[in-house]
Amino acid sequence: MIDKFCDYITKKIKENSPEMDEEKELVINFGVRLIFGELPKILILFLIGFILGIGWYTLLAFLLLCPYRSFTGGFHLKTHLGCMICTILLYCGPVMLAKYTNITPDYVKYIVIAIIGIISSILINIYAPADTENIPILSKEDRKRKKVLAYISLIILILISIFIQDKVVSQMLIYGIIFQTLTITRIAYKITNNKYGYEEYLKTESIKT
């Protein structure tokens, strides 16, 4: 229902802007879906966070990890319920783990952070930005820019996790990086029945030529 409504709004916008190309239409459709589909999910996420007693940490996790997700990309589930559950796992999950676990002593935490940083950098190099068929990133300039920003956001998150004194925030970011980076991998896409939009585009272009 929400998807049909968002498509209807996008269609009306396109009717008033006949010069709009397909890529711009996808961007507008994504923005409309964000307003009418994603914002309610975010509000539910924070509500659940406060019910679980981790509301402010959930808000902080969202603010810190969301840029990393926007630059690295990742799979999207097909239903709103599945997307809601995935969102809760990505932002509440790391907080709950951080709250009830403790990576000690400090040198062990630093080793874990180093390993995660290396693995995440490799996966970013291979997969980021991980787009989908519904929202492909076709511009090479945009892909390069997002990849660079993915590295920068990863470095920022790692530095925060190293130097911040709050144990929950530090470990929350460690787990959050793991969770998000896994969403861009090929195995995650296969499990969730997603395809990389740019790869599908290249296949289509190859068939045409």
N, C-alpha and C. Protein backbone atom coordinates (compact mmCIF):
# COMPACT_ATOMS: atom_id res chain seq x y z
N MET A 1 0.83 -1.21 0.00
CA MET A 1 0.00 0.00 0.00
C MET A 1 0.87 1.26 0.00
N ILE A 2 1.85 1.28 0.89
CA ILE A 2 2.75 2.44 0.96
C ILE A 2 3.54 2.58 -0.33
N ASP A 3 4.03 1.45 -0.87
CA ASP A 3 4.82 1.48 -2.10
C ASP A 3 4.00 2.03 -3.27
N LYS A 4 2.73 1.59 -3.36
CA LYS A 4 1.87 2.06 -4.44
C LYS A 4 1.61 3.56 -4.32
N PHE A 5 1.40 4.02 -3.09
CA PHE A 5 1.17 5.43 -2.86
C PHE A 5 2.41 6.25 -3.26
N CYS A 6 3.60 5.76 -2.87
CA CYS A 6 4.85 6.46 -3.20
C CYS A 6 5.08 6.49 -4.71
N ASP A 7 4.77 5.37 -5.39
CA ASP A 7 4.90 5.33 -6.85
C ASP A 7 3.93 6.31 -7.51
N TYR A 8 2.75 6.45 -6.93
CA TYR A 8 1.74 7.39 -7.46
C TYR A 8 2.24 8.83 -7.34
N ILE A 9 2.81 9.16 -6.18
CA ILE A 9 3.35 10.51 -5.96
C ILE A 9 4.48 10.79 -6.94
N THR A 10 5.37 9.80 -7.13
CA THR A 10 6.50 9.96 -8.06
C THR A 10 5.99 10.17 -9.48
N LYS A 11 4.94 9.41 -9.84
CA LYS A 11 4.36 9.53 -11.18
C LYS A 11 3.82 10.94 -11.41
N LYS A 12 3.15 11.50 -10.40
CA LYS A 12 2.60 12.84 -10.52
C LYS A 12 3.71 13.89 -10.66
N ILE A 13 4.79 13.67 -9.92
CA ILE A 13 5.93 14.61 -10.00
C ILE A 13 6.54 14.54 -11.39
N LYS A 14 6.66 13.34 -11.94
CA LYS A 14 7.25 13.17 -13.27
C LYS A 14 6.36 13.81 -14.34
N GLU A 15 5.05 13.72 -14.17
CA GLU A 15 4.13 14.33 -15.14
C GLU A 15 4.32 15.84 -15.23
N ASN A 16 4.71 16.44 -14.11
CA ASN A 16 4.96 17.88 -14.09
C ASN A 16 6.39 18.24 -14.49
N SER A 17 7.23 17.21 -14.66
CA SER A 17 8.62 17.43 -15.07
C SER A 17 8.98 16.43 -16.17
N PRO A 18 8.47 16.62 -17.39
CA PRO A 18 8.67 15.66 -18.48
C PRO A 18 10.13 15.44 -18.86
N GLU A 19 11.00 16.42 -18.49
CA GLU A 19 12.43 16.28 -18.85
C GLU A 19 13.17 15.36 -17.89
N MET A 20 12.49 14.87 -16.86
CA MET A 20 13.13 14.02 -15.85
C MET A 20 13.59 12.70 -16.47
N ASP A 21 14.87 12.34 -16.26
CA ASP A 21 15.36 11.06 -16.76
C ASP A 21 15.08 9.95 -15.75
N GLU A 22 15.41 8.72 -16.16
CA GLU A 22 15.08 7.55 -15.33
C GLU A 22 15.82 7.55 -14.00
N GLU A 23 17.10 7.94 -14.03
CA GLU A 23 17.89 7.93 -12.80
C GLU A 23 17.36 8.95 -11.80
N LYS A 24 16.98 10.14 -12.30
CA LYS A 24 16.44 11.16 -11.41
C LYS A 24 15.08 10.71 -10.85
N GLU A 25 14.32 10.00 -11.65
CA GLU A 25 13.03 9.48 -11.19
C GLU A 25 13.22 8.50 -10.04
N LEU A 26 14.26 7.67 -10.16
CA LEU A 26 14.56 6.71 -9.09
C LEU A 26 14.94 7.44 -7.80
N VAL A 27 15.71 8.51 -7.95
CA VAL A 27 16.13 9.28 -6.77
C VAL A 27 14.93 9.91 -6.09
N ILE A 28 14.02 10.48 -6.88
CA ILE A 28 12.82 11.11 -6.32
C ILE A 28 11.94 10.06 -5.65
N ASN A 29 11.79 8.91 -6.31
CA ASN A 29 10.99 7.83 -5.72
C ASN A 29 11.58 7.37 -4.40
N PHE A 30 12.90 7.32 -4.35
CA PHE A 30 13.57 6.94 -3.10
C PHE A 30 13.28 7.96 -2.01
N GLY A 31 13.32 9.25 -2.38
CA GLY A 31 13.04 10.30 -1.40
C GLY A 31 11.61 10.24 -0.88
N VAL A 32 10.67 9.98 -1.79
CA VAL A 32 9.26 9.87 -1.38
C VAL A 32 9.07 8.67 -0.46
N ARG A 33 9.71 7.55 -0.81
CA ARG A 33 9.62 6.35 0.04
C ARG A 33 10.26 6.61 1.40
N LEU A 34 11.30 7.42 1.42
CA LEU A 34 11.95 7.75 2.69
C LEU A 34 10.99 8.51 3.59
N ILE A 35 10.28 9.47 3.01
CA ILE A 35 9.36 10.29 3.79
C ILE A 35 8.17 9.48 4.31
N PHE A 36 7.55 8.72 3.41
CA PHE A 36 6.31 8.04 3.78
C PHE A 36 6.51 6.61 4.27
N GLY A 37 7.66 6.04 3.97
CA GLY A 37 7.89 4.66 4.37
C GLY A 37 8.93 4.49 5.46
N GLU A 38 10.05 5.24 5.34
CA GLU A 38 11.16 5.02 6.26
C GLU A 38 11.01 5.79 7.57
N LEU A 39 10.49 7.00 7.52
CA LEU A 39 10.36 7.80 8.74
C LEU A 39 9.51 7.11 9.81
N PRO A 40 8.35 6.52 9.46
CA PRO A 40 7.61 5.79 10.48
C PRO A 40 8.41 4.64 11.09
N LYS A 41 9.24 3.98 10.27
CA LYS A 41 10.07 2.88 10.78
C LYS A 41 11.11 3.40 11.76
N ILE A 42 11.66 4.57 11.46
CA ILE A 42 12.65 5.16 12.36
C ILE A 42 12.01 5.52 13.70
N LEU A 43 10.80 6.07 13.64
CA LEU A 43 10.09 6.41 14.87
C LEU A 43 9.80 5.16 15.70
N ILE A 44 9.41 4.08 15.02
CA ILE A 44 9.17 2.81 15.71
C ILE A 44 10.47 2.29 16.31
N LEU A 45 11.57 2.44 15.57
CA LEU A 45 12.89 2.02 16.08
C LEU A 45 13.21 2.70 17.39
N PHE A 46 13.06 4.02 17.43
CA PHE A 46 13.37 4.76 18.66
C PHE A 46 12.40 4.40 19.78
N LEU A 47 11.13 4.17 19.43
CA LEU A 47 10.15 3.78 20.44
C LEU A 47 10.54 2.46 21.08
N ILE A 48 10.94 1.49 20.25
CA ILE A 48 11.38 0.20 20.78
C ILE A 48 12.63 0.36 21.62
N GLY A 49 13.54 1.23 21.17
CA GLY A 49 14.76 1.49 21.92
C GLY A 49 14.46 2.00 23.32
N PHE A 50 13.52 2.94 23.43
CA PHE A 50 13.17 3.48 24.74
C PHE A 50 12.43 2.46 25.59
N ILE A 51 11.63 1.62 24.95
CA ILE A 51 10.94 0.55 25.69
C ILE A 51 11.96 -0.42 26.29
N LEU A 52 13.03 -0.69 25.52
CA LEU A 52 14.08 -1.60 25.99
C LEU A 52 15.05 -0.93 26.96
N GLY A 53 14.88 0.38 27.18
CA GLY A 53 15.75 1.10 28.09
C GLY A 53 17.08 1.51 27.48
N ILE A 54 17.13 1.52 26.14
CA ILE A 54 18.38 1.90 25.45
C ILE A 54 18.09 3.01 24.43
N GLY A 55 17.08 3.82 24.71
CA GLY A 55 16.62 4.80 23.73
C GLY A 55 17.68 5.77 23.27
N TRP A 56 18.42 6.38 24.22
CA TRP A 56 19.43 7.37 23.84
C TRP A 56 20.61 6.74 23.14
N TYR A 57 20.97 5.51 23.54
CA TYR A 57 22.04 4.80 22.84
C TYR A 57 21.59 4.43 21.41
N THR A 58 20.32 4.05 21.28
CA THR A 58 19.80 3.72 19.95
C THR A 58 19.84 4.95 19.04
N LEU A 59 19.45 6.09 19.59
CA LEU A 59 19.50 7.34 18.82
C LEU A 59 20.94 7.65 18.40
N LEU A 60 21.88 7.49 19.32
CA LEU A 60 23.28 7.74 19.02
C LEU A 60 23.81 6.76 17.99
N ALA A 61 23.43 5.49 18.13
CA ALA A 61 23.85 4.47 17.16
C ALA A 61 23.34 4.82 15.77
N PHE A 62 22.10 5.27 15.69
CA PHE A 62 21.52 5.65 14.40
C PHE A 62 22.27 6.82 13.78
N LEU A 63 22.55 7.84 14.58
CA LEU A 63 23.22 9.03 14.08
C LEU A 63 24.64 8.74 13.62
N LEU A 64 25.33 7.84 14.32
CA LEU A 64 26.72 7.54 13.99
C LEU A 64 26.85 6.50 12.88
N LEU A 65 25.97 5.51 12.86
CA LEU A 65 26.10 4.41 11.91
C LEU A 65 25.36 4.64 10.60
N CYS A 66 24.33 5.49 10.63
CA CYS A 66 23.54 5.72 9.43
C CYS A 66 24.38 6.28 8.27
N PRO A 67 25.29 7.24 8.50
CA PRO A 67 26.13 7.70 7.39
C PRO A 67 26.98 6.57 6.79
N TYR A 68 27.49 5.70 7.65
CA TYR A 68 28.30 4.58 7.16
C TYR A 68 27.45 3.68 6.26
N ARG A 69 26.19 3.44 6.67
CA ARG A 69 25.30 2.61 5.86
C ARG A 69 24.96 3.31 4.54
N SER A 70 24.75 4.61 4.59
CA SER A 70 24.38 5.33 3.37
C SER A 70 25.50 5.31 2.34
N PHE A 71 26.76 5.29 2.80
CA PHE A 71 27.90 5.29 1.88
C PHE A 71 28.28 3.88 1.43
N THR A 72 28.17 2.90 2.32
CA THR A 72 28.54 1.53 1.94
C THR A 72 27.42 0.83 1.21
N GLY A 73 26.16 1.22 1.48
CA GLY A 73 25.02 0.56 0.86
C GLY A 73 24.64 -0.69 1.64
N GLY A 74 24.08 -1.65 0.94
CA GLY A 74 23.67 -2.90 1.58
C GLY A 74 22.33 -3.37 1.06
N PHE A 75 21.99 -4.62 1.40
CA PHE A 75 20.74 -5.19 0.90
C PHE A 75 19.52 -4.49 1.50
N HIS A 76 18.41 -4.64 0.81
CA HIS A 76 17.12 -4.14 1.31
C HIS A 76 16.12 -5.28 1.25
N LEU A 77 15.39 -5.49 2.33
CA LEU A 77 14.39 -6.54 2.34
C LEU A 77 13.14 -6.10 1.60
N LYS A 78 12.37 -7.07 1.12
CA LYS A 78 11.28 -6.78 0.19
C LYS A 78 10.03 -6.24 0.86
N THR A 79 9.82 -6.56 2.13
CA THR A 79 8.61 -6.13 2.81
C THR A 79 8.93 -5.08 3.87
N HIS A 80 7.91 -4.30 4.24
CA HIS A 80 8.11 -3.28 5.26
C HIS A 80 8.38 -3.91 6.62
N LEU A 81 7.74 -5.05 6.89
CA LEU A 81 7.99 -5.75 8.15
C LEU A 81 9.42 -6.24 8.21
N GLY A 82 9.88 -6.86 7.12
CA GLY A 82 11.26 -7.34 7.08
C GLY A 82 12.25 -6.21 7.22
N CYS A 83 11.96 -5.08 6.58
CA CYS A 83 12.83 -3.91 6.66
C CYS A 83 12.86 -3.36 8.09
N MET A 84 11.69 -3.38 8.74
CA MET A 84 11.61 -2.90 10.12
C MET A 84 12.45 -3.76 11.05
N ILE A 85 12.33 -5.08 10.89
CA ILE A 85 13.11 -6.01 11.72
C ILE A 85 14.60 -5.82 11.48
N CYS A 86 14.99 -5.66 10.21
CA CYS A 86 16.39 -5.46 9.86
C CYS A 86 16.92 -4.17 10.47
N THR A 87 16.12 -3.11 10.43
CA THR A 87 16.53 -1.82 11.00
C THR A 87 16.75 -1.94 12.51
N ILE A 88 15.86 -2.65 13.18
CA ILE A 88 15.99 -2.85 14.63
C ILE A 88 17.27 -3.62 14.94
N LEU A 89 17.54 -4.66 14.14
CA LEU A 89 18.75 -5.46 14.37
C LEU A 89 20.02 -4.64 14.14
N LEU A 90 19.99 -3.77 13.13
CA LEU A 90 21.18 -2.99 12.78
C LEU A 90 21.52 -1.93 13.81
N TYR A 91 20.49 -1.37 14.48
CA TYR A 91 20.74 -0.27 15.40
C TYR A 91 20.51 -0.62 16.87
N CYS A 92 19.49 -1.40 17.16
CA CYS A 92 19.29 -1.82 18.56
C CYS A 92 20.20 -3.00 18.90
N GLY A 93 20.43 -3.87 17.92
CA GLY A 93 21.26 -5.05 18.14
C GLY A 93 22.64 -4.74 18.69
N PRO A 94 23.40 -3.85 18.05
CA PRO A 94 24.73 -3.51 18.56
C PRO A 94 24.70 -2.92 19.97
N VAL A 95 23.67 -2.13 20.26
CA VAL A 95 23.56 -1.53 21.60
C VAL A 95 23.32 -2.60 22.65
N MET A 96 22.41 -3.54 22.37
CA MET A 96 22.12 -4.61 23.32
C MET A 96 23.34 -5.48 23.56
N LEU A 97 24.05 -5.79 22.49
CA LEU A 97 25.28 -6.59 22.63
C LEU A 97 26.32 -5.84 23.46
N ALA A 98 26.48 -4.56 23.18
CA ALA A 98 27.46 -3.75 23.91
C ALA A 98 27.10 -3.62 25.38
N LYS A 99 25.81 -3.58 25.66
CA LYS A 99 25.35 -3.39 27.03
C LYS A 99 25.59 -4.63 27.89
N TYR A 100 25.50 -5.80 27.26
CA TYR A 100 25.58 -7.04 28.04
C TYR A 100 26.84 -7.86 27.78
N THR A 101 27.77 -7.30 27.03
CA THR A 101 29.07 -7.96 26.83
C THR A 101 30.17 -6.97 27.15
N ASN A 102 31.36 -7.47 27.29
CA ASN A 102 32.49 -6.59 27.61
C ASN A 102 33.76 -7.15 26.99
N ILE A 103 34.31 -6.42 26.04
CA ILE A 103 35.55 -6.84 25.39
C ILE A 103 36.71 -6.30 26.21
N THR A 104 37.34 -7.16 26.97
CA THR A 104 38.46 -6.77 27.83
C THR A 104 39.57 -7.80 27.72
N PRO A 105 40.80 -7.43 28.09
CA PRO A 105 41.27 -6.07 28.42
C PRO A 105 41.34 -5.18 27.18
N ASP A 106 41.85 -3.96 27.36
CA ASP A 106 41.84 -2.98 26.27
C ASP A 106 42.62 -3.46 25.05
N TYR A 107 43.73 -4.16 25.28
CA TYR A 107 44.54 -4.56 24.11
C TYR A 107 43.77 -5.55 23.25
N VAL A 108 42.89 -6.35 23.86
CA VAL A 108 42.05 -7.27 23.09
C VAL A 108 41.07 -6.47 22.24
N LYS A 109 40.50 -5.42 22.84
CA LYS A 109 39.56 -4.56 22.09
C LYS A 109 40.27 -3.92 20.91
N TYR A 110 41.50 -3.45 21.11
CA TYR A 110 42.23 -2.82 20.01
C TYR A 110 42.55 -3.81 18.90
N ILE A 111 42.86 -5.04 19.28
CA ILE A 111 43.11 -6.08 18.28
C ILE A 111 41.85 -6.36 17.47
N VAL A 112 40.72 -6.46 18.18
CA VAL A 112 39.43 -6.70 17.51
C VAL A 112 39.12 -5.55 16.56
N ILE A 113 39.32 -4.31 17.01
CA ILE A 113 39.05 -3.14 16.17
C ILE A 113 39.94 -3.16 14.93
N ALA A 114 41.21 -3.52 15.10
CA ALA A 114 42.14 -3.57 13.97
C ALA A 114 41.69 -4.62 12.95
N ILE A 115 41.29 -5.79 13.43
CA ILE A 115 40.84 -6.86 12.54
C ILE A 115 39.59 -6.43 11.78
N ILE A 116 38.63 -5.85 12.52
CA ILE A 116 37.39 -5.38 11.90
C ILE A 116 37.68 -4.29 10.88
N GLY A 117 38.59 -3.38 11.21
CA GLY A 117 38.94 -2.31 10.29
C GLY A 117 39.53 -2.83 8.99
N ILE A 118 40.42 -3.81 9.10
CA ILE A 118 41.06 -4.39 7.91
C ILE A 118 40.04 -5.13 7.04
N ILE A 119 39.24 -5.98 7.70
CA ILE A 119 38.24 -6.76 6.95
C ILE A 119 37.21 -5.83 6.31
N SER A 120 36.76 -4.82 7.05
CA SER A 120 35.78 -3.89 6.51
C SER A 120 36.34 -3.11 5.33
N SER A 121 37.61 -2.71 5.42
CA SER A 121 38.25 -1.98 4.31
C SER A 121 38.30 -2.84 3.05
N ILE A 122 38.61 -4.12 3.23
CA ILE A 122 38.67 -5.05 2.09
C ILE A 122 37.29 -5.20 1.46
N LEU A 123 36.27 -5.36 2.30
CA LEU A 123 34.91 -5.55 1.79
C LEU A 123 34.38 -4.27 1.13
N ILE A 124 34.74 -3.13 1.68
CA ILE A 124 34.36 -1.86 1.04
C ILE A 124 34.98 -1.76 -0.34
N ASN A 125 36.25 -2.14 -0.43
CA ASN A 125 36.95 -2.09 -1.71
C ASN A 125 36.28 -3.00 -2.75
N ILE A 126 35.78 -4.15 -2.29
CA ILE A 126 35.18 -5.11 -3.21
C ILE A 126 33.74 -4.74 -3.57
N TYR A 127 32.94 -4.37 -2.58
CA TYR A 127 31.49 -4.27 -2.78
C TYR A 127 30.91 -2.86 -2.74
N ALA A 128 31.51 -1.94 -1.99
CA ALA A 128 30.88 -0.63 -1.80
C ALA A 128 31.04 0.27 -3.04
N PRO A 129 30.05 1.09 -3.35
CA PRO A 129 28.75 1.13 -2.69
C PRO A 129 27.86 -0.02 -3.19
N ALA A 130 27.33 -0.81 -2.26
CA ALA A 130 26.49 -1.95 -2.60
C ALA A 130 25.06 -1.47 -2.84
N ASP A 131 24.69 -1.35 -4.11
CA ASP A 131 23.36 -0.86 -4.44
C ASP A 131 22.39 -2.02 -4.67
N THR A 132 21.17 -1.72 -5.08
CA THR A 132 20.18 -2.74 -5.38
C THR A 132 19.56 -2.44 -6.74
N GLU A 133 18.79 -3.40 -7.24
CA GLU A 133 18.14 -3.21 -8.54
C GLU A 133 17.15 -2.05 -8.50
N ASN A 134 16.48 -1.85 -7.36
CA ASN A 134 15.50 -0.77 -7.25
C ASN A 134 16.15 0.61 -7.22
N ILE A 135 17.33 0.68 -6.59
CA ILE A 135 18.03 1.96 -6.50
C ILE A 135 19.48 1.77 -6.93
N PRO A 136 19.71 1.57 -8.23
CA PRO A 136 21.10 1.37 -8.70
C PRO A 136 21.89 2.67 -8.68
N ILE A 137 23.18 2.55 -8.43
CA ILE A 137 24.07 3.70 -8.51
C ILE A 137 24.88 3.52 -9.80
N LEU A 138 24.48 4.23 -10.84
CA LEU A 138 25.04 3.99 -12.17
C LEU A 138 26.20 4.91 -12.51
N SER A 139 26.24 6.08 -11.91
CA SER A 139 27.31 7.03 -12.21
C SER A 139 28.62 6.58 -11.58
N LYS A 140 29.67 6.51 -12.40
CA LYS A 140 30.98 6.10 -11.88
C LYS A 140 31.52 7.12 -10.89
N GLU A 141 31.22 8.40 -11.14
CA GLU A 141 31.66 9.45 -10.21
C GLU A 141 31.00 9.28 -8.85
N ASP A 142 29.68 8.98 -8.87
CA ASP A 142 28.95 8.78 -7.61
C ASP A 142 29.47 7.55 -6.87
N ARG A 143 29.77 6.52 -7.61
CA ARG A 143 30.28 5.29 -6.99
C ARG A 143 31.64 5.52 -6.34
N LYS A 144 32.49 6.25 -7.04
CA LYS A 144 33.81 6.56 -6.49
C LYS A 144 33.70 7.44 -5.25
N ARG A 145 32.81 8.43 -5.31
CA ARG A 145 32.62 9.34 -4.18
C ARG A 145 32.11 8.60 -2.96
N LYS A 146 31.13 7.73 -3.16
CA LYS A 146 30.57 6.97 -2.04
C LYS A 146 31.59 6.01 -1.44
N LYS A 147 32.44 5.43 -2.28
CA LYS A 147 33.46 4.52 -1.77
C LYS A 147 34.46 5.26 -0.89
N VAL A 148 34.87 6.44 -1.35
CA VAL A 148 35.80 7.26 -0.56
C VAL A 148 35.16 7.65 0.77
N LEU A 149 33.89 8.09 0.71
CA LEU A 149 33.18 8.48 1.94
C LEU A 149 32.96 7.29 2.87
N ALA A 150 32.82 6.09 2.29
CA ALA A 150 32.68 4.88 3.11
C ALA A 150 33.95 4.64 3.92
N TYR A 151 35.11 4.81 3.27
CA TYR A 151 36.38 4.67 3.99
C TYR A 151 36.51 5.73 5.09
N ILE A 152 36.15 6.96 4.75
CA ILE A 152 36.27 8.05 5.74
C ILE A 152 35.37 7.80 6.94
N SER A 153 34.11 7.40 6.69
CA SER A 153 33.18 7.15 7.79
C SER A 153 33.64 5.97 8.63
N LEU A 154 34.23 4.96 7.99
CA LEU A 154 34.76 3.81 8.73
C LEU A 154 35.88 4.27 9.67
N ILE A 155 36.79 5.08 9.16
CA ILE A 155 37.90 5.57 9.98
C ILE A 155 37.38 6.38 11.17
N ILE A 156 36.38 7.23 10.92
CA ILE A 156 35.81 8.04 11.99
C ILE A 156 35.20 7.16 13.07
N LEU A 157 34.44 6.15 12.67
CA LEU A 157 33.80 5.24 13.63
C LEU A 157 34.86 4.48 14.44
N ILE A 158 35.91 4.05 13.77
CA ILE A 158 36.98 3.32 14.47
C ILE A 158 37.67 4.23 15.48
N LEU A 159 37.97 5.46 15.09
CA LEU A 159 38.62 6.40 16.01
C LEU A 159 37.75 6.68 17.23
N ILE A 160 36.45 6.85 17.00
CA ILE A 160 35.54 7.08 18.12
C ILE A 160 35.54 5.87 19.05
N SER A 161 35.47 4.67 18.47
CA SER A 161 35.43 3.45 19.30
C SER A 161 36.72 3.26 20.09
N ILE A 162 37.82 3.79 19.60
CA ILE A 162 39.10 3.66 20.31
C ILE A 162 39.21 4.65 21.46
N PHE A 163 38.82 5.90 21.20
CA PHE A 163 39.12 6.96 22.17
C PHE A 163 37.97 7.30 23.13
N ILE A 164 36.76 6.94 22.79
CA ILE A 164 35.65 7.30 23.68
C ILE A 164 35.72 6.45 24.95
N GLN A 165 35.37 7.06 26.06
CA GLN A 165 35.48 6.39 27.36
C GLN A 165 34.26 5.52 27.67
N ASP A 166 33.13 5.85 27.09
CA ASP A 166 31.90 5.08 27.34
C ASP A 166 32.01 3.70 26.71
N LYS A 167 32.01 2.66 27.54
CA LYS A 167 32.18 1.29 27.05
C LYS A 167 31.07 0.88 26.09
N VAL A 168 29.84 1.26 26.41
CA VAL A 168 28.70 0.86 25.58
C VAL A 168 28.82 1.49 24.19
N VAL A 169 29.14 2.77 24.14
CA VAL A 169 29.28 3.44 22.84
C VAL A 169 30.42 2.84 22.04
N SER A 170 31.54 2.60 22.69
CA SER A 170 32.70 2.03 22.01
C SER A 170 32.38 0.68 21.38
N GLN A 171 31.80 -0.22 22.18
CA GLN A 171 31.51 -1.56 21.68
C GLN A 171 30.31 -1.56 20.73
N MET A 172 29.38 -0.63 20.96
CA MET A 172 28.23 -0.49 20.07
C MET A 172 28.70 -0.20 18.64
N LEU A 173 29.71 0.64 18.51
CA LEU A 173 30.23 0.98 17.19
C LEU A 173 30.97 -0.20 16.57
N ILE A 174 31.68 -0.95 17.40
CA ILE A 174 32.38 -2.14 16.90
C ILE A 174 31.38 -3.12 16.30
N TYR A 175 30.34 -3.44 17.06
CA TYR A 175 29.32 -4.37 16.58
C TYR A 175 28.56 -3.78 15.40
N GLY A 176 28.30 -2.47 15.46
CA GLY A 176 27.57 -1.82 14.38
C GLY A 176 28.31 -1.88 13.06
N ILE A 177 29.62 -1.69 13.11
CA ILE A 177 30.44 -1.79 11.89
C ILE A 177 30.36 -3.20 11.32
N ILE A 178 30.44 -4.20 12.21
CA ILE A 178 30.36 -5.60 11.76
C ILE A 178 29.02 -5.85 11.07
N PHE A 179 27.93 -5.49 11.75
CA PHE A 179 26.60 -5.75 11.22
C PHE A 179 26.41 -5.10 9.86
N GLN A 180 26.75 -3.81 9.77
CA GLN A 180 26.52 -3.08 8.53
C GLN A 180 27.41 -3.60 7.40
N THR A 181 28.67 -3.86 7.69
CA THR A 181 29.58 -4.32 6.64
C THR A 181 29.13 -5.66 6.07
N LEU A 182 28.56 -6.51 6.92
CA LEU A 182 28.07 -7.80 6.44
C LEU A 182 26.93 -7.64 5.45
N THR A 183 26.16 -6.53 5.55
CA THR A 183 25.01 -6.36 4.66
C THR A 183 25.41 -6.06 3.21
N ILE A 184 26.68 -5.75 2.98
CA ILE A 184 27.10 -5.44 1.60
C ILE A 184 27.72 -6.65 0.91
N THR A 185 27.90 -7.75 1.62
CA THR A 185 28.59 -8.90 1.06
C THR A 185 27.70 -9.69 0.10
N ARG A 186 28.32 -10.44 -0.77
CA ARG A 186 27.58 -11.22 -1.76
C ARG A 186 26.72 -12.29 -1.11
N ILE A 187 27.23 -12.92 -0.05
CA ILE A 187 26.45 -13.95 0.61
C ILE A 187 25.20 -13.38 1.26
N ALA A 188 25.30 -12.15 1.81
CA ALA A 188 24.13 -11.50 2.40
C ALA A 188 23.10 -11.18 1.32
N TYR A 189 23.56 -10.76 0.16
CA TYR A 189 22.65 -10.47 -0.95
C TYR A 189 21.97 -11.75 -1.43
N LYS A 190 22.71 -12.84 -1.44
CA LYS A 190 22.14 -14.11 -1.90
C LYS A 190 21.09 -14.61 -0.92
N ILE A 191 21.38 -14.51 0.39
CA ILE A 191 20.45 -14.97 1.42
C ILE A 191 19.15 -14.16 1.36
N THR A 192 19.26 -12.85 1.13
CA THR A 192 18.09 -11.97 1.13
C THR A 192 17.47 -11.80 -0.26
N ASN A 193 17.98 -12.56 -1.23
CA ASN A 193 17.45 -12.52 -2.59
C ASN A 193 17.54 -11.12 -3.20
N ASN A 194 18.69 -10.49 -3.02
CA ASN A 194 18.97 -9.18 -3.62
C ASN A 194 20.01 -9.33 -4.72
N LYS A 195 20.08 -8.33 -5.59
CA LYS A 195 21.10 -8.28 -6.62
C LYS A 195 21.72 -6.89 -6.63
N TYR A 196 23.01 -6.84 -6.97
CA TYR A 196 23.68 -5.54 -7.07
C TYR A 196 23.19 -4.82 -8.32
N GLY A 197 22.64 -3.62 -8.13
CA GLY A 197 22.06 -2.90 -9.25
C GLY A 197 23.04 -2.58 -10.35
N TYR A 198 24.26 -2.17 -9.99
CA TYR A 198 25.25 -1.80 -10.99
C TYR A 198 25.69 -3.02 -11.81
N GLU A 199 25.82 -4.16 -11.15
CA GLU A 199 26.19 -5.39 -11.86
C GLU A 199 25.11 -5.78 -12.86
N GLU A 200 23.85 -5.67 -12.44
CA GLU A 200 22.74 -6.00 -13.33
C GLU A 200 22.68 -5.04 -14.51
N TYR A 201 23.01 -3.78 -14.26
CA TYR A 201 23.04 -2.78 -15.32
C TYR A 201 24.12 -3.13 -16.35
N LEU A 202 25.30 -3.51 -15.86
CA LEU A 202 26.39 -3.86 -16.77
C LEU A 202 26.05 -5.10 -17.59
N LYS A 203 25.35 -6.05 -16.96
CA LYS A 203 24.94 -7.26 -17.70
C LYS A 203 23.97 -6.90 -18.81
N THR A 204 23.03 -6.00 -18.49
CA THR A 204 22.04 -5.57 -19.48
C THR A 204 22.71 -4.85 -20.65
N GLU A 205 23.67 -3.98 -20.33
CA GLU A 205 24.39 -3.25 -21.37
C GLU A 205 25.22 -4.19 -22.23
N SER A 206 25.78 -5.21 -21.59
CA SER A 206 26.59 -6.19 -22.32
C SER A 206 25.73 -6.96 -23.31
N ILE A 207 24.51 -7.31 -22.92
CA ILE A 207 23.60 -8.04 -23.80
C ILE A 207 23.19 -7.16 -24.99
N LYS A 208 22.98 -5.87 -24.71
CA LYS A 208 22.57 -4.95 -25.78
C LYS A 208 23.64 -4.79 -26.85
N THR A 209 24.92 -4.82 -26.40
CA THR A 209 26.01 -4.63 -27.35
C THR A 209 26.43 -5.93 -27.99
